[in-house]
Amino acid sequence: MVAKFDLSDDSVVVVIGTGAGGGVLSNELAQKGVKVVALEAGGRYLPDDYINDEWDSFGQLAWLDPRTTSGDWRVAKDFSGLPAWIVKAVGGTTIHWAGASLRFQAHEFKTRTTYGEVAGANLLDWPLDLAEMEPWYEKAEAKLGVTRTGDRAGLPGNNNFKVFEAGARALGYKEVHTGRMAINSVDYDERMACQQTGFCFQGCKWGAKWSAAYTDIPRGEATGNLEVRDRCHVLRIEHDAAGKVTGVVYADKDGAQHRQKARLVCVAGNSIESPRLLLNSASSMFPDGLANSSGQVGRNYMRHMTGSVYAVFDKPVRMWRGTTMAGIIQDEARHDPSRGFVGGYELETLALGLPFMAAFLDPGAWGREFTSALDRYENMAGMWIVGEDMPQETNRVTLNHDVKDAYGLPAPNVHFDDHPNDVAMRTHAYRQGQAIYEAVGATRTFPTPPYPSTHNLGTNRMSEKPRDGVVNKWGQSHDIPNLFVSDGSQFTTGAAENPTLTIVALAIRQADHIAGEMGKGNL
């Protein structure tokens, strides 16, 4: 029995967004008997709907609302209308993600203490640590079915991994394996094992990869405590004269506006839409936007230090066969300033299909060098670099009043400049990536610039003190007790690891906290 709640029911929790944060939070609350209305701007697609074609899938799933981009990052030049590649659908970017599920390291929760003063960086320690997160990580790993955790076996290595591994071993790397992946190596939790078809970014047609779309969301609905309204875009969050949040105004698929009352509101719209919504909810009481007494809403945008390296070999690799990102080298993820930068990075296998390779290999490229690379596509291997980038106050999401969305609201502008630490780390990673492939006989290597962001972090960061951030250690706004942030925008710093596992762990923990506080009458 799927729930249907009244617009005037002010006892519900409204969750905005249904991805790794919002989808998990909605289910976890529903399982605890809390009534939830989840509002999702996108439509609903399940494995049968996913398309094993890169461009058609992109058109089906990608968030393509108006956005603008500024700063010195390459994305501003190559993809100015698409700073981020995220999903607009029930399940959010858990449909598109590769499945890499890594815990943060202890020092990455305490970067200000560990790294010291880094000029130009706005480093801050998280108001929690790894010891506090470990039990929640364990719950998240069980929920996602993460390989190489619990008793779950790793995935098999495809050709792309075998080339990557051989090069890594030749360089003396030790921490090399097919990764901790939320992709089933055997049947698990009513989901089948991976069939190795290779379209991980386009939505897993087998359901072997965990996604909130077909796990947490339907399970939450089955409790009778969760109502998901898709194609409902939240325009603003409202509050009363005492400054407490009272509900949200949203537009449905026909553009009609509705006001949903709420006991509390949890924002989980990804690190671009979440601060944008808080800023667009400004009022006479909160002229700078909701939860923004610190002026930190939208600031400290992080997207990870990224880049790719591809290589051409004499013989076919056929990197597209098998899992997209089941392969990792973790040796460089340590903090070792002798390399010329603080923090570290992971190297992970990556395969793009020929259509995306043509778009991303060297955006805007033309001529013989570019076409000869594509001619050797069958003989290519590829990897992705993901490392900790420095939070900077000036890297931020703001409202662009010159560009409006379909509802007449200012679009977000995403400004990002590389920090010198990011540049030094990327240079080091490019060199290591090329060396890995050269060690096993690559005839050519191609370091490629960063793509539109998939790891969007910061912008509503956690802080011990209200003046330093937007939310406390529970994701609860410092300014408004019944307003929470439940996505990657609450990250204080980004760490070297893919963020989804941590977003899920924080959502499980936040649901436990919210349900407890509601039970005590504190919320």
Protein backbone atom coordinates (compact mmCIF):
# COMPACT_ATOMS: atom_id res chain seq x y z
CA MET A 1 0.00 0.00 0.00
CA VAL A 2 1.75 3.16 -1.24
CA ALA A 3 1.14 6.08 1.09
CA LYS A 4 -0.67 9.25 0.06
CA PHE A 5 -0.26 12.20 2.41
CA ASP A 6 -2.28 15.37 2.46
CA LEU A 7 -0.68 18.67 1.49
CA SER A 8 -1.81 20.10 4.82
CA ASP A 9 -0.30 17.24 6.89
CA ASP A 10 2.32 19.06 8.94
CA SER A 11 3.47 15.86 10.68
CA VAL A 12 5.45 14.59 7.66
CA VAL A 13 9.16 14.87 7.00
CA VAL A 14 9.75 16.34 3.54
CA VAL A 15 12.89 15.02 1.82
CA ILE A 16 14.02 16.90 -1.30
CA GLY A 17 15.85 14.56 -3.67
CA THR A 18 15.98 10.76 -3.81
CA GLY A 19 19.63 9.88 -4.46
CA ALA A 20 22.29 8.41 -2.19
CA GLY A 21 21.34 10.86 0.57
CA GLY A 22 17.63 11.51 0.12
CA GLY A 23 16.63 8.07 -1.15
CA VAL A 24 18.38 6.28 1.70
CA LEU A 25 17.17 8.78 4.31
CA SER A 26 13.56 8.43 3.10
CA ASN A 27 13.67 4.63 3.36
CA GLU A 28 15.47 4.58 6.71
CA LEU A 29 12.93 6.99 8.23
CA ALA A 30 9.99 5.07 6.73
CA GLN A 31 11.35 1.81 8.20
CA LYS A 32 11.30 3.51 11.62
CA GLY A 33 7.65 4.50 11.25
CA VAL A 34 8.23 8.14 10.28
CA LYS A 35 5.91 9.54 7.59
CA VAL A 36 7.90 10.89 4.64
CA VAL A 37 7.03 12.83 1.49
CA ALA A 38 9.99 12.64 -0.93
CA LEU A 39 9.95 15.21 -3.73
CA GLU A 40 11.99 14.40 -6.84
CA ALA A 41 12.48 16.82 -9.73
CA GLY A 42 13.03 14.02 -12.24
CA GLY A 43 10.98 11.11 -13.56
CA ARG A 44 10.98 7.47 -12.56
CA TYR A 45 13.03 4.93 -14.50
CA LEU A 46 13.77 1.32 -13.62
CA PRO A 47 16.25 -1.18 -15.11
CA ASP A 48 13.92 -2.08 -18.00
CA ASP A 49 13.89 1.61 -18.98
CA TYR A 50 17.67 2.14 -19.00
CA ILE A 51 19.29 2.51 -22.40
CA ASN A 52 22.59 0.83 -23.31
CA ASP A 53 23.63 3.74 -25.53
CA GLU A 54 25.73 6.58 -24.14
CA TRP A 55 24.11 9.61 -25.77
CA ASP A 56 20.52 8.31 -25.62
CA SER A 57 21.00 7.44 -21.94
CA PHE A 58 22.48 10.88 -21.27
CA GLY A 59 19.39 12.46 -22.81
CA GLN A 60 17.13 10.26 -20.69
CA LEU A 61 18.81 10.71 -17.31
CA ALA A 62 21.06 13.78 -17.14
CA TRP A 63 20.18 16.98 -15.26
CA LEU A 64 20.03 19.49 -18.14
CA ASP A 65 18.34 22.49 -16.47
CA PRO A 66 20.11 25.82 -17.17
CA ARG A 67 23.43 26.29 -15.38
CA THR A 68 26.41 28.53 -15.92
CA THR A 69 30.07 27.99 -15.14
CA SER A 70 33.02 30.27 -14.38
CA GLY A 71 36.58 30.00 -13.15
CA ASP A 72 39.86 28.69 -14.54
CA TRP A 73 38.90 24.99 -14.61
CA ARG A 74 38.83 23.37 -18.02
CA VAL A 75 35.13 22.51 -17.63
CA ALA A 76 34.22 26.22 -17.84
CA LYS A 77 35.71 26.30 -21.35
CA ASP A 78 34.57 22.92 -22.66
CA PHE A 79 31.22 22.33 -20.92
CA SER A 80 30.06 25.75 -19.66
CA GLY A 81 26.40 24.74 -19.61
CA LEU A 82 27.17 21.41 -17.91
CA PRO A 83 29.47 21.88 -14.92
CA ALA A 84 28.14 18.66 -13.42
CA TRP A 85 27.00 15.36 -14.88
CA ILE A 86 24.32 14.21 -12.45
CA VAL A 87 21.00 12.43 -12.85
CA LYS A 88 17.50 13.95 -12.74
CA ALA A 89 15.39 10.93 -11.76
CA VAL A 90 14.12 8.95 -8.80
CA GLY A 91 17.28 7.39 -7.38
CA GLY A 92 19.37 10.39 -8.41
CA THR A 93 22.96 9.88 -9.40
CA THR A 94 22.96 6.38 -7.84
CA ILE A 95 21.62 5.35 -11.27
CA HIS A 96 24.73 6.72 -13.00
CA TRP A 97 27.47 6.12 -10.43
CA ALA A 98 30.18 3.53 -11.07
CA GLY A 99 29.71 1.77 -7.72
CA ALA A 100 33.12 2.47 -6.12
CA SER A 101 32.54 2.37 -2.34
CA LEU A 102 35.52 3.40 -0.23
CA ARG A 103 35.72 4.51 3.38
CA PHE A 104 37.46 7.78 4.14
CA GLN A 105 40.77 7.43 5.96
CA ALA A 106 41.15 8.67 9.55
CA HIS A 107 43.30 11.69 8.62
CA GLU A 108 40.80 12.84 5.97
CA PHE A 109 38.26 13.72 8.67
CA LYS A 110 40.91 15.93 10.32
CA THR A 111 42.66 17.72 7.46
CA ARG A 112 43.13 21.05 9.25
CA THR A 113 44.94 19.27 12.06
CA THR A 114 46.85 16.91 9.74
CA TYR A 115 47.82 19.22 6.87
CA GLY A 116 48.21 22.42 8.87
CA GLU A 117 47.83 25.80 7.22
CA VAL A 118 47.56 25.51 3.42
CA ALA A 119 47.65 28.95 1.81
CA GLY A 120 44.44 29.76 -0.06
CA ALA A 121 42.62 26.69 1.27
CA ASN A 122 39.70 26.86 3.69
CA LEU A 123 40.50 23.61 5.50
CA LEU A 124 38.44 22.59 8.52
CA ASP A 125 38.26 19.40 10.61
CA TRP A 126 34.99 17.47 10.38
CA PRO A 127 33.01 17.59 13.65
CA LEU A 128 33.17 13.76 13.69
CA ASP A 129 35.89 11.16 13.10
CA LEU A 130 36.45 7.73 11.57
CA ALA A 131 35.83 5.88 14.86
CA GLU A 132 32.36 7.44 15.06
CA MET A 133 31.66 6.62 11.41
CA GLU A 134 32.85 2.99 11.38
CA PRO A 135 29.59 1.36 12.56
CA TRP A 136 27.65 3.44 10.03
CA TYR A 137 30.10 2.51 7.26
CA GLU A 138 29.49 -1.14 8.15
CA LYS A 139 25.71 -0.67 7.83
CA ALA A 140 26.19 1.16 4.51
CA GLU A 141 28.45 -1.58 3.13
CA ALA A 142 25.85 -4.23 4.03
CA LYS A 143 23.06 -2.15 2.44
CA LEU A 144 25.03 -1.63 -0.77
CA GLY A 145 26.54 -5.14 -0.84
CA VAL A 146 30.05 -3.74 -1.16
CA THR A 147 32.55 -6.32 -2.43
CA ARG A 148 35.67 -7.08 -0.34
CA THR A 149 33.76 -6.05 2.80
CA GLY A 150 31.89 -8.44 5.08
CA ASP A 151 32.28 -11.86 3.44
CA ARG A 152 31.61 -10.56 -0.07
CA ALA A 153 34.07 -11.57 -2.79
CA GLY A 154 35.65 -9.12 -5.20
CA LEU A 155 34.55 -8.79 -8.81
CA PRO A 156 36.55 -10.51 -11.56
CA GLY A 157 39.08 -8.38 -13.42
CA ASN A 158 38.39 -7.47 -17.05
CA ASN A 159 41.11 -6.79 -19.65
CA ASN A 160 41.24 -3.12 -18.72
CA PHE A 161 42.02 -4.15 -15.14
CA LYS A 162 44.61 -6.76 -16.17
CA VAL A 163 46.62 -4.16 -18.13
CA PHE A 164 46.24 -1.66 -15.26
CA GLU A 165 47.29 -4.25 -12.66
CA ALA A 166 50.33 -5.45 -14.63
CA GLY A 167 51.57 -1.87 -15.00
CA ALA A 168 50.94 -1.14 -11.33
CA ARG A 169 52.87 -4.23 -10.20
CA ALA A 170 55.73 -3.32 -12.52
CA LEU A 171 55.96 0.05 -10.74
CA GLY A 172 55.93 -1.63 -7.33
CA TYR A 173 52.41 -0.69 -6.29
CA LYS A 174 50.96 -3.08 -3.68
CA GLU A 175 47.34 -2.03 -3.03
CA VAL A 176 45.88 -3.13 -6.36
CA HIS A 177 42.61 -5.03 -6.76
CA THR A 178 39.17 -4.89 -8.40
CA GLY A 179 37.93 -2.45 -5.79
CA ARG A 180 35.26 -2.26 -3.14
CA MET A 181 32.24 -2.02 -5.37
CA ALA A 182 28.49 -1.82 -4.76
CA ILE A 183 28.09 -4.26 -7.63
CA ASN A 184 27.23 -7.85 -6.79
CA SER A 185 29.93 -10.44 -7.47
CA VAL A 186 27.28 -13.08 -6.55
CA ASP A 187 23.51 -12.82 -6.05
CA TYR A 188 22.88 -10.66 -2.96
CA ASP A 189 19.92 -8.94 -1.33
CA GLU A 190 17.45 -9.93 -4.07
CA ARG A 191 19.77 -8.51 -6.74
CA MET A 192 21.54 -10.68 -9.30
CA ALA A 193 25.28 -10.91 -9.90
CA CYS A 194 27.03 -8.58 -12.34
CA GLN A 195 26.70 -9.69 -15.98
CA GLN A 196 29.75 -7.63 -17.09
CA THR A 197 27.92 -5.82 -19.90
CA GLY A 198 29.79 -2.59 -19.34
CA PHE A 199 27.13 0.16 -19.33
CA CYS A 200 27.50 0.95 -15.62
CA PHE A 201 27.12 4.73 -16.15
CA GLN A 202 23.88 4.28 -18.10
CA GLY A 203 21.96 2.54 -15.30
CA CYS A 204 22.48 -1.16 -14.53
CA LYS A 205 19.90 -3.09 -16.56
CA TRP A 206 20.49 -6.13 -14.33
CA GLY A 207 20.10 -4.37 -11.00
CA ALA A 208 23.44 -5.87 -9.94
CA LYS A 209 24.71 -2.41 -9.04
CA TRP A 210 23.05 -0.85 -6.00
CA SER A 211 20.83 2.14 -6.74
CA ALA A 212 18.30 3.81 -4.47
CA ALA A 213 15.93 3.72 -7.48
CA TYR A 214 15.16 0.01 -7.15
CA THR A 215 16.28 -0.83 -3.59
CA ASP A 216 15.65 1.81 -0.92
CA ILE A 217 12.83 3.71 -2.61
CA PRO A 218 10.47 0.73 -3.26
CA ARG A 219 11.29 -0.74 0.16
CA GLY A 220 10.41 2.54 1.82
CA GLU A 221 7.16 2.71 -0.15
CA ALA A 222 6.31 -0.86 0.92
CA THR A 223 6.15 0.28 4.57
CA GLY A 224 3.21 2.57 3.83
CA ASN A 225 5.16 5.46 5.35
CA LEU A 226 6.78 6.89 2.19
CA GLU A 227 5.19 8.79 -0.67
CA VAL A 228 7.47 9.66 -3.58
CA ARG A 229 6.23 12.41 -5.88
CA ASP A 230 8.27 12.46 -9.05
CA ARG A 231 8.57 15.36 -11.52
CA CYS A 232 8.06 17.71 -8.59
CA HIS A 233 10.62 20.52 -8.50
CA VAL A 234 10.94 22.33 -5.16
CA LEU A 235 11.01 26.10 -5.64
CA ARG A 236 11.45 27.31 -2.07
CA ILE A 237 11.37 26.31 1.58
CA GLU A 238 9.03 28.32 3.81
CA HIS A 239 9.22 29.23 7.50
CA ASP A 240 7.10 30.84 10.21
CA ALA A 241 7.58 34.02 12.25
CA ALA A 242 9.70 32.11 14.76
CA GLY A 243 12.11 31.06 12.00
CA LYS A 244 11.08 27.38 11.99
CA VAL A 245 10.63 25.65 8.64
CA THR A 246 6.94 24.95 7.91
CA GLY A 247 7.01 23.31 4.46
CA VAL A 248 7.93 23.70 0.82
CA VAL A 249 6.42 25.06 -2.38
CA TYR A 250 6.95 22.88 -5.44
CA ALA A 251 5.89 22.76 -9.08
CA ASP A 252 4.46 19.51 -10.46
CA LYS A 253 4.99 18.10 -13.95
CA ASP A 254 2.35 20.48 -15.37
CA GLY A 255 3.90 23.51 -13.68
CA ALA A 256 1.10 23.83 -11.12
CA GLN A 257 2.38 24.96 -7.72
CA HIS A 258 1.59 23.21 -4.42
CA ARG A 259 2.47 23.89 -0.81
CA GLN A 260 3.41 20.78 1.24
CA LYS A 261 3.42 21.34 5.00
CA ALA A 262 6.17 19.64 7.00
CA ARG A 263 7.39 18.92 10.51
CA LEU A 264 10.92 19.12 9.20
CA VAL A 265 12.66 19.42 5.85
CA CYS A 266 15.75 17.54 4.63
CA VAL A 267 17.56 18.92 1.56
CA ALA A 268 19.32 16.36 -0.62
CA GLY A 269 19.44 17.88 -4.08
CA ASN A 270 23.18 17.47 -4.77
CA SER A 271 25.81 20.12 -4.00
CA ILE A 272 24.61 22.52 -6.69
CA GLU A 273 20.83 22.39 -6.26
CA SER A 274 20.89 22.21 -2.44
CA PRO A 275 22.64 25.57 -1.85
CA ARG A 276 20.70 27.06 -4.75
CA LEU A 277 17.42 26.13 -3.03
CA LEU A 278 18.57 27.60 0.30
CA LEU A 279 19.63 30.81 -1.45
CA ASN A 280 16.39 30.98 -3.45
CA SER A 281 14.44 30.62 -0.18
CA ALA A 282 15.65 33.99 1.14
CA SER A 283 13.09 35.99 3.13
CA SER A 284 12.97 39.20 5.17
CA MET A 285 14.03 37.18 8.23
CA PHE A 286 16.77 35.36 6.27
CA PRO A 287 17.80 37.90 3.58
CA ASP A 288 20.92 35.95 2.59
CA GLY A 289 19.08 32.65 2.22
CA LEU A 290 18.15 29.93 4.71
CA ALA A 291 20.80 28.49 7.07
CA ASN A 292 23.24 31.14 5.90
CA SER A 293 24.09 33.28 8.95
CA SER A 294 27.72 32.19 8.41
CA GLY A 295 27.72 33.25 4.75
CA GLN A 296 29.00 29.75 3.95
CA VAL A 297 26.02 28.47 1.93
CA GLY A 298 27.30 27.74 -1.57
CA ARG A 299 30.96 28.18 -0.60
CA ASN A 300 33.78 25.60 -0.47
CA TYR A 301 32.53 23.78 -3.58
CA MET A 302 34.67 20.71 -4.21
CA ARG A 303 34.54 18.34 -7.16
CA HIS A 304 37.65 16.22 -6.55
CA MET A 305 40.95 16.60 -8.35
CA THR A 306 40.27 14.52 -11.46
CA GLY A 307 41.62 13.68 -14.88
CA SER A 308 42.12 10.56 -16.97
CA VAL A 309 44.91 8.72 -18.68
CA TYR A 310 44.33 6.54 -21.74
CA ALA A 311 46.94 4.44 -23.51
CA VAL A 312 47.20 2.63 -26.83
CA PHE A 313 48.77 -0.82 -27.15
CA ASP A 314 49.88 -3.04 -30.04
CA LYS A 315 47.18 -5.59 -29.27
CA PRO A 316 43.45 -5.21 -28.53
CA VAL A 317 42.39 -4.50 -24.93
CA ARG A 318 38.67 -3.91 -25.51
CA MET A 319 38.44 -1.93 -22.30
CA TRP A 320 34.67 -1.47 -22.67
CA ARG A 321 34.02 -5.12 -21.84
CA GLY A 322 33.07 -5.70 -18.23
CA THR A 323 32.63 -3.39 -15.27
CA THR A 324 33.46 0.26 -15.93
CA MET A 325 35.41 1.01 -12.75
CA ALA A 326 36.23 -2.29 -10.99
CA GLY A 327 39.95 -1.69 -10.58
CA ILE A 328 41.89 0.47 -8.15
CA ILE A 329 45.41 1.41 -7.07
CA GLN A 330 45.33 2.86 -3.54
CA ASP A 331 49.05 3.33 -2.82
CA GLU A 332 48.94 7.05 -3.70
CA ALA A 333 45.93 7.76 -1.44
CA ARG A 334 48.19 8.39 1.54
CA HIS A 335 49.12 11.80 2.95
CA ASP A 336 52.77 12.29 2.02
CA PRO A 337 53.82 15.94 1.50
CA SER A 338 57.22 14.82 0.12
CA ARG A 339 55.40 14.38 -3.22
CA GLY A 340 54.79 18.15 -3.32
CA PHE A 341 51.17 18.27 -2.16
CA VAL A 342 48.96 17.44 0.81
CA GLY A 343 46.38 14.65 0.66
CA GLY A 344 46.36 11.83 -1.85
CA TYR A 345 44.58 10.28 -4.82
CA GLU A 346 43.18 7.00 -6.10
CA LEU A 347 43.69 5.57 -9.58
CA GLU A 348 40.67 3.65 -10.89
CA THR A 349 39.98 1.82 -14.15
CA LEU A 350 37.69 3.68 -16.53
CA ALA A 351 36.27 2.85 -19.94
CA LEU A 352 34.27 5.23 -22.09
CA GLY A 353 32.42 4.07 -25.19
CA LEU A 354 33.48 5.44 -28.55
CA PRO A 355 30.79 8.22 -28.58
CA PHE A 356 31.89 9.58 -25.19
CA MET A 357 35.56 9.01 -25.97
CA ALA A 358 35.15 11.25 -29.01
CA ALA A 359 33.60 13.95 -26.81
CA PHE A 360 35.92 13.68 -23.83
CA LEU A 361 39.36 12.53 -25.04
CA ASP A 362 40.40 16.09 -25.79
CA PRO A 363 37.33 18.32 -25.99
CA GLY A 364 37.19 20.27 -29.21
CA ALA A 365 40.15 18.38 -30.68
CA TRP A 366 40.47 17.87 -34.41
CA GLY A 367 42.99 16.52 -36.86
CA ARG A 368 45.21 13.49 -37.35
CA GLU A 369 46.47 13.10 -33.79
CA PHE A 370 42.91 12.95 -32.46
CA THR A 371 41.47 10.71 -35.19
CA SER A 372 44.41 8.30 -35.08
CA ALA A 373 43.77 7.84 -31.36
CA LEU A 374 40.12 7.00 -32.00
CA ASP A 375 41.19 4.65 -34.80
CA ARG A 376 43.03 2.62 -32.15
CA TYR A 377 40.07 2.58 -29.76
CA GLU A 378 40.00 -1.23 -29.62
CA ASN A 379 43.61 -1.22 -28.39
CA MET A 380 43.03 1.35 -25.63
CA ALA A 381 43.13 1.02 -21.85
CA GLY A 382 41.93 3.75 -19.52
CA MET A 383 41.99 4.99 -15.96
CA TRP A 384 40.48 7.81 -13.92
CA ILE A 385 42.25 9.89 -11.29
CA VAL A 386 40.31 10.96 -8.19
CA GLY A 387 42.00 12.92 -5.43
CA GLU A 388 41.32 15.31 -2.59
CA ASP A 389 40.89 18.87 -3.78
CA MET A 390 41.23 21.84 -1.47
CA PRO A 391 38.09 23.63 -0.27
CA GLN A 392 38.27 27.32 -1.16
CA GLU A 393 35.72 29.95 -0.10
CA THR A 394 35.81 31.46 -3.57
CA ASN A 395 34.88 28.15 -5.22
CA ARG A 396 31.16 28.47 -4.87
CA VAL A 397 27.64 28.12 -6.14
CA THR A 398 25.82 31.46 -6.51
CA LEU A 399 22.58 32.59 -8.12
CA ASN A 400 22.89 33.88 -11.68
CA HIS A 401 20.08 36.44 -11.96
CA ASP A 402 20.67 36.82 -15.71
CA VAL A 403 19.76 33.18 -16.42
CA LYS A 404 16.41 31.77 -15.31
CA ASP A 405 15.09 28.23 -15.15
CA ALA A 406 11.67 27.05 -16.39
CA TYR A 407 10.04 28.44 -13.23
CA GLY A 408 11.62 31.90 -13.51
CA LEU A 409 14.13 31.27 -10.70
CA PRO A 410 17.80 32.29 -11.01
CA ALA A 411 19.98 29.46 -12.29
CA PRO A 412 23.06 28.37 -10.34
CA ASN A 413 26.51 29.52 -11.40
CA VAL A 414 29.29 27.14 -10.46
CA HIS A 415 32.65 28.88 -10.01
CA PHE A 416 35.80 26.81 -9.61
CA ASP A 417 39.50 27.63 -9.74
CA ASP A 418 42.10 24.92 -9.24
CA HIS A 419 44.15 25.32 -6.07
CA PRO A 420 47.94 24.97 -6.57
CA ASN A 421 47.72 21.76 -4.50
CA ASP A 422 45.18 20.35 -6.98
CA VAL A 423 47.48 21.18 -9.90
CA ALA A 424 50.54 19.60 -8.24
CA MET A 425 48.56 16.47 -7.42
CA ARG A 426 47.14 16.16 -10.94
CA THR A 427 50.61 16.57 -12.48
CA HIS A 428 51.94 13.80 -10.23
CA ALA A 429 48.97 11.55 -11.02
CA TYR A 430 49.28 12.07 -14.79
CA ARG A 431 52.95 11.10 -14.57
CA GLN A 432 52.20 7.96 -12.56
CA GLY A 433 49.30 6.98 -14.80
CA GLN A 434 51.44 7.27 -17.91
CA ALA A 435 54.27 5.34 -16.24
CA ILE A 436 51.87 2.49 -15.38
CA TYR A 437 50.92 2.02 -19.02
CA GLU A 438 54.44 2.57 -20.36
CA ALA A 439 55.67 -0.18 -18.01
CA VAL A 440 53.55 -2.67 -19.98
CA GLY A 441 54.40 -1.46 -23.46
CA ALA A 442 52.00 1.37 -24.29
CA THR A 443 52.82 2.96 -27.65
CA ARG A 444 51.01 6.23 -26.80
CA THR A 445 49.53 7.74 -23.63
CA PHE A 446 46.93 10.50 -23.39
CA PRO A 447 46.45 12.50 -20.20
CA THR A 448 42.98 14.01 -20.61
CA PRO A 449 41.43 17.03 -18.85
CA PRO A 450 38.67 16.72 -16.23
CA TYR A 451 35.11 15.97 -17.32
CA PRO A 452 31.96 17.62 -15.92
CA SER A 453 31.80 16.91 -12.20
CA THR A 454 30.11 13.81 -10.83
CA HIS A 455 31.48 14.20 -7.29
CA ASN A 456 29.95 17.49 -6.17
CA LEU A 457 30.82 18.21 -2.52
CA GLY A 458 30.88 20.97 0.07
CA THR A 459 28.64 24.08 -0.32
CA ASN A 460 26.68 23.37 2.93
CA ARG A 461 29.51 22.05 5.02
CA MET A 462 29.51 20.54 8.49
CA SER A 463 31.26 22.50 11.21
CA GLU A 464 31.64 22.42 14.97
CA LYS A 465 31.06 26.19 15.20
CA PRO A 466 28.11 27.88 13.46
CA ARG A 467 30.34 30.63 12.03
CA ASP A 468 32.46 28.09 10.07
CA GLY A 469 29.77 26.20 8.21
CA VAL A 470 26.11 25.49 7.58
CA VAL A 471 25.22 22.29 9.49
CA ASN A 472 26.34 20.42 12.61
CA LYS A 473 27.61 16.83 12.86
CA TRP A 474 24.07 15.48 12.23
CA GLY A 475 23.54 17.55 9.08
CA GLN A 476 21.20 19.79 11.10
CA SER A 477 21.31 23.47 10.16
CA HIS A 478 23.01 25.61 12.80
CA ASP A 479 20.36 28.31 12.28
CA ILE A 480 17.10 26.37 11.90
CA PRO A 481 16.71 23.21 14.03
CA ASN A 482 14.11 21.52 11.80
CA LEU A 483 16.08 22.01 8.57
CA PHE A 484 18.62 19.34 7.60
CA VAL A 485 21.08 18.78 4.75
CA SER A 486 21.35 15.13 3.72
CA ASP A 487 23.67 14.94 0.69
CA GLY A 488 27.33 15.43 -0.22
CA SER A 489 27.01 19.19 0.20
CA GLN A 490 27.46 18.65 3.97
CA PHE A 491 31.03 17.34 3.45
CA THR A 492 33.56 19.48 5.32
CA THR A 493 36.39 18.26 3.06
CA GLY A 494 36.36 15.84 0.15
CA ALA A 495 38.97 13.13 0.90
CA ALA A 496 40.51 11.07 -1.91
CA GLU A 497 37.71 8.50 -2.02
CA ASN A 498 34.54 8.35 -4.11
CA PRO A 499 31.87 9.92 -1.87
CA THR A 500 28.73 7.78 -2.20
CA LEU A 501 29.49 5.30 0.60
CA THR A 502 30.03 8.19 3.03
CA ILE A 503 26.83 9.94 1.86
CA VAL A 504 24.88 6.70 2.48
CA ALA A 505 26.53 6.12 5.89
CA LEU A 506 25.70 9.71 6.95
CA ALA A 507 22.10 9.28 5.75
CA ILE A 508 21.60 6.09 7.81
CA ARG A 509 23.12 7.86 10.83
CA GLN A 510 21.02 10.99 10.26
CA ALA A 511 17.80 8.95 10.02
CA ASP A 512 18.63 7.30 13.34
CA HIS A 513 19.21 10.72 14.92
CA ILE A 514 16.08 12.35 13.44
CA ALA A 515 13.78 9.48 14.44
CA GLY A 516 15.24 9.53 17.97
CA GLU A 517 14.84 13.29 18.35
CA MET A 518 11.29 13.18 16.95
CA GLY A 519 10.47 10.41 19.44
CA LYS A 520 11.73 12.59 22.31
CA GLY A 521 9.73 15.56 21.06
CA ASN A 522 12.87 17.61 20.34
CA LEU A 523 12.05 17.99 16.64
